[in-house]
């Protein structure tokens, strides 16, 4: 199993999934969501399309809200930096 597949399963299942959902559904998560193609993101995640995911992530990380959202997700998953 590739690293991407492992990460995808961790983020979409179990207690980590609920933590990520809570952050994504926050006010900043919703603001970011308005600027990305949710359907493209879903399809890319389900199919393992790393190129599309990288492009979407690049767009998210180019904003302050996106950087903060990723930081919050990392912290909630125990990856405090």
Protein backbone atom coordinates (compact mmCIF):
# COMPACT_ATOMS: atom_id res chain seq x y z
CA UNK A 1 0.00 0.00 0.00
CA UNK A 2 1.41 3.39 -0.94
CA UNK A 3 1.87 6.26 1.45
CA UNK A 4 -0.98 8.15 -0.18
CA UNK A 5 -3.38 5.25 0.25
CA UNK A 6 -2.39 4.84 3.90
CA UNK A 7 -2.91 8.55 4.57
CA UNK A 8 -6.24 8.55 2.74
CA UNK A 9 -7.51 5.64 4.83
CA UNK A 10 -6.35 7.30 8.05
CA UNK A 11 -8.07 10.57 7.21
CA UNK A 12 -11.32 9.03 6.03
CA UNK A 13 -11.84 6.43 8.75
CA UNK A 14 -12.06 6.31 12.53
CA UNK A 15 -11.61 9.09 15.06
CA UNK A 16 -9.23 11.04 12.82
CA UNK A 17 -11.95 11.35 10.20
CA UNK A 18 -14.26 13.13 12.63
CA UNK A 19 -11.50 15.54 13.69
CA UNK A 20 -10.76 16.40 10.07
CA UNK A 21 -14.46 16.80 9.26
CA UNK A 22 -14.90 19.20 12.18
CA UNK A 23 -12.04 21.37 10.96
CA UNK A 24 -13.12 21.25 7.32
CA UNK A 25 -16.63 22.29 8.38
CA UNK A 26 -15.28 25.26 10.35
CA UNK A 27 -15.77 28.81 9.08
CA UNK A 28 -12.33 28.91 7.46
CA UNK A 29 -12.84 25.46 5.98
CA UNK A 30 -16.05 26.62 4.37
CA UNK A 31 -14.35 29.76 2.99
CA UNK A 32 -11.66 27.61 1.42
CA UNK A 33 -14.26 25.18 0.11
CA UNK A 34 -15.85 27.94 -1.92
CA UNK A 35 -12.60 28.33 -3.85
CA UNK A 36 -11.99 24.71 -4.80
CA UNK A 37 -13.83 22.20 -6.93
CA UNK A 38 -15.18 19.79 -4.32
CA UNK A 39 -16.25 17.22 -6.88
CA UNK A 40 -12.79 17.17 -8.46
CA UNK A 41 -11.26 16.83 -5.00
CA UNK A 42 -13.56 13.93 -4.11
CA UNK A 43 -12.86 12.09 -7.37
CA UNK A 44 -9.11 12.64 -7.06
CA UNK A 45 -9.08 11.37 -3.47
CA UNK A 46 -11.14 8.30 -4.32
CA UNK A 47 -9.07 7.40 -7.37
CA UNK A 48 -5.67 8.29 -5.92
CA UNK A 49 -5.05 10.99 -8.55
CA UNK A 50 -2.03 12.53 -6.88
CA UNK A 51 -1.46 15.14 -9.58
CA UNK A 52 -4.93 16.65 -9.17
CA UNK A 53 -4.68 16.46 -5.38
CA UNK A 54 -1.32 18.24 -5.51
CA UNK A 55 -2.76 20.98 -7.70
CA UNK A 56 -5.72 21.50 -5.38
CA UNK A 57 -3.50 21.42 -2.30
CA UNK A 58 -1.20 23.97 -3.91
CA UNK A 59 -4.14 26.32 -4.38
CA UNK A 60 -5.23 25.82 -0.78
CA UNK A 61 -1.74 26.37 0.60
CA UNK A 62 -1.35 29.58 -1.36
CA UNK A 63 -3.83 31.26 1.01
CA UNK A 64 -3.46 32.19 4.68
CA UNK A 65 -6.73 30.39 5.49
CA UNK A 66 -5.41 27.27 3.76
CA UNK A 67 -2.14 27.32 5.64
CA UNK A 68 -3.98 27.74 8.93
CA UNK A 69 -6.42 24.95 8.09
CA UNK A 70 -3.61 22.52 7.31
CA UNK A 71 -1.82 23.52 10.53
CA UNK A 72 -4.97 22.83 12.54
CA UNK A 73 -5.44 19.44 10.88
CA UNK A 74 -1.83 18.48 11.58
CA UNK A 75 -2.18 19.52 15.22
CA UNK A 76 -5.43 17.63 15.68
CA UNK A 77 -3.82 14.47 14.29
CA UNK A 78 -0.88 14.77 16.66
CA UNK A 79 1.64 16.15 14.18
CA UNK A 80 2.44 19.29 16.16
CA UNK A 81 5.34 21.19 14.73
